[in-house]
Every structure is written in structure tokens, then in C-alpha cells.
Amino acid sequence: MLVLLVILAITIVLFVWWGFPPDVVALMSLLVLYLTGKLDMSETLSGFSIQ
């Protein structure tokens, strides 16, 4: 749970800071959530489907 909150906090800070484009921040946080095991592959890629 702590890892998830840290990732969320860093994501929010990066969105507010405008140091990176928002799409890069979103993809980075998605990748980190997958690499830490909080999301599996089907959950990670489900946002890119048409359904």
C-alpha cells in the first residue's frame, strides 16, 4: 500500500510541476505500477483497447 501511495504522490507532483509532458508522466507511472507488480499485463494494457 505504501508503494502505491508513493507512486501516486510522485505522479501528482510530476503532473503539477510540468517538467515532463503529461503523457510521459502517465506512461511512466503505468510502467512503474507494472514493474512493481501492482498491475498485471492485462490491466496495464486494458486502457489501450477499444472495448
C-alpha atoms as a PDB file:
ATOM      1  CA  MET A   1       0.000   0.000   0.000  1.00  0.00           C
ATOM      2  CA  LEU A   2       2.853   2.360   0.818  1.00  0.00           C
ATOM      3  CA  VAL A   3       4.454   1.786  -2.581  1.00  0.00           C
ATOM      4  CA  LEU A   4       1.188   2.642  -4.293  1.00  0.00           C
ATOM      5  CA  LEU A   5       0.827   5.873  -2.313  1.00  0.00           C
ATOM      6  CA  VAL A   6       4.414   6.881  -3.091  1.00  0.00           C
ATOM      7  CA  ILE A   7       3.880   6.270  -6.811  1.00  0.00           C
ATOM      8  CA  LEU A   8       0.642   8.278  -6.684  1.00  0.00           C
ATOM      9  CA  ALA A   9       2.325  11.159  -4.859  1.00  0.00           C
ATOM     10  CA  ILE A  10       5.231  11.274  -7.311  1.00  0.00           C
ATOM     11  CA  THR A  11       2.809  11.154 -10.244  1.00  0.00           C
ATOM     12  CA  ILE A  12       0.785  14.062  -8.855  1.00  0.00           C
ATOM     13  CA  VAL A  13       3.932  16.110  -8.240  1.00  0.00           C
ATOM     14  CA  LEU A  14       5.159  15.480 -11.777  1.00  0.00           C
ATOM     15  CA  PHE A  15       1.775  16.462 -13.234  1.00  0.00           C
ATOM     16  CA  VAL A  16       1.739  19.721 -11.260  1.00  0.00           C
ATOM     17  CA  TRP A  17       5.394  20.539 -11.831  1.00  0.00           C
ATOM     18  CA  TRP A  18       5.098  20.484 -15.670  1.00  0.00           C
ATOM     19  CA  GLY A  19       8.697  19.295 -16.018  1.00  0.00           C
ATOM     20  CA  PHE A  20       7.551  16.426 -18.187  1.00  0.00           C
ATOM     21  CA  PRO A  21       4.698  16.207 -20.674  1.00  0.00           C
ATOM     22  CA  PRO A  22       1.553  14.695 -19.107  1.00  0.00           C
ATOM     23  CA  ASP A  23       1.530  11.721 -21.470  1.00  0.00           C
ATOM     24  CA  VAL A  24       5.096  10.817 -20.482  1.00  0.00           C
ATOM     25  CA  VAL A  25       4.201  11.052 -16.783  1.00  0.00           C
ATOM     26  CA  ALA A  26       1.164   8.813 -17.305  1.00  0.00           C
ATOM     27  CA  LEU A  27       3.165   6.198 -19.207  1.00  0.00           C
ATOM     28  CA  MET A  28       5.987   6.285 -16.645  1.00  0.00           C
ATOM     29  CA  SER A  29       3.585   5.755 -13.756  1.00  0.00           C
ATOM     30  CA  LEU A  30       1.854   2.948 -15.670  1.00  0.00           C
ATOM     31  CA  LEU A  31       5.212   1.281 -16.293  1.00  0.00           C
ATOM     32  CA  VAL A  32       6.253   1.624 -12.643  1.00  0.00           C
ATOM     33  CA  LEU A  33       2.947   0.145 -11.466  1.00  0.00           C
ATOM     34  CA  TYR A  34       3.501  -2.824 -13.778  1.00  0.00           C
ATOM     35  CA  LEU A  35       7.141  -3.314 -12.763  1.00  0.00           C
ATOM     36  CA  THR A  36       6.309  -3.218  -9.054  1.00  0.00           C
ATOM     37  CA  GLY A  37       3.603  -5.851  -9.540  1.00  0.00           C
ATOM     38  CA  LYS A  38       0.651  -3.623  -8.660  1.00  0.00           C
ATOM     39  CA  LEU A  39      -0.806  -4.224 -12.151  1.00  0.00           C
ATOM     40  CA  ASP A  40      -0.583  -7.294 -14.324  1.00  0.00           C
ATOM     41  CA  MET A  41      -0.145  -7.196 -18.099  1.00  0.00           C
ATOM     42  CA  SER A  42      -3.865  -7.353 -18.933  1.00  0.00           C
ATOM     43  CA  GLU A  43      -4.650  -4.491 -16.531  1.00  0.00           C
ATOM     44  CA  THR A  44      -1.735  -2.466 -17.848  1.00  0.00           C
ATOM     45  CA  LEU A  45      -2.781  -2.750 -21.478  1.00  0.00           C
ATOM     46  CA  SER A  46      -6.549  -2.577 -20.927  1.00  0.00           C
ATOM     47  CA  GLY A  47      -6.598   1.206 -21.271  1.00  0.00           C
ATOM     48  CA  PHE A  48      -5.335   0.944 -24.828  1.00  0.00           C
ATOM     49  CA  SER A  49      -8.155  -1.299 -26.067  1.00  0.00           C
ATOM     50  CA  ILE A  50     -11.241  -0.183 -27.970  1.00  0.00           C
ATOM     51  CA  GLN A  51     -13.719  -2.097 -25.804  1.00  0.00           C
END
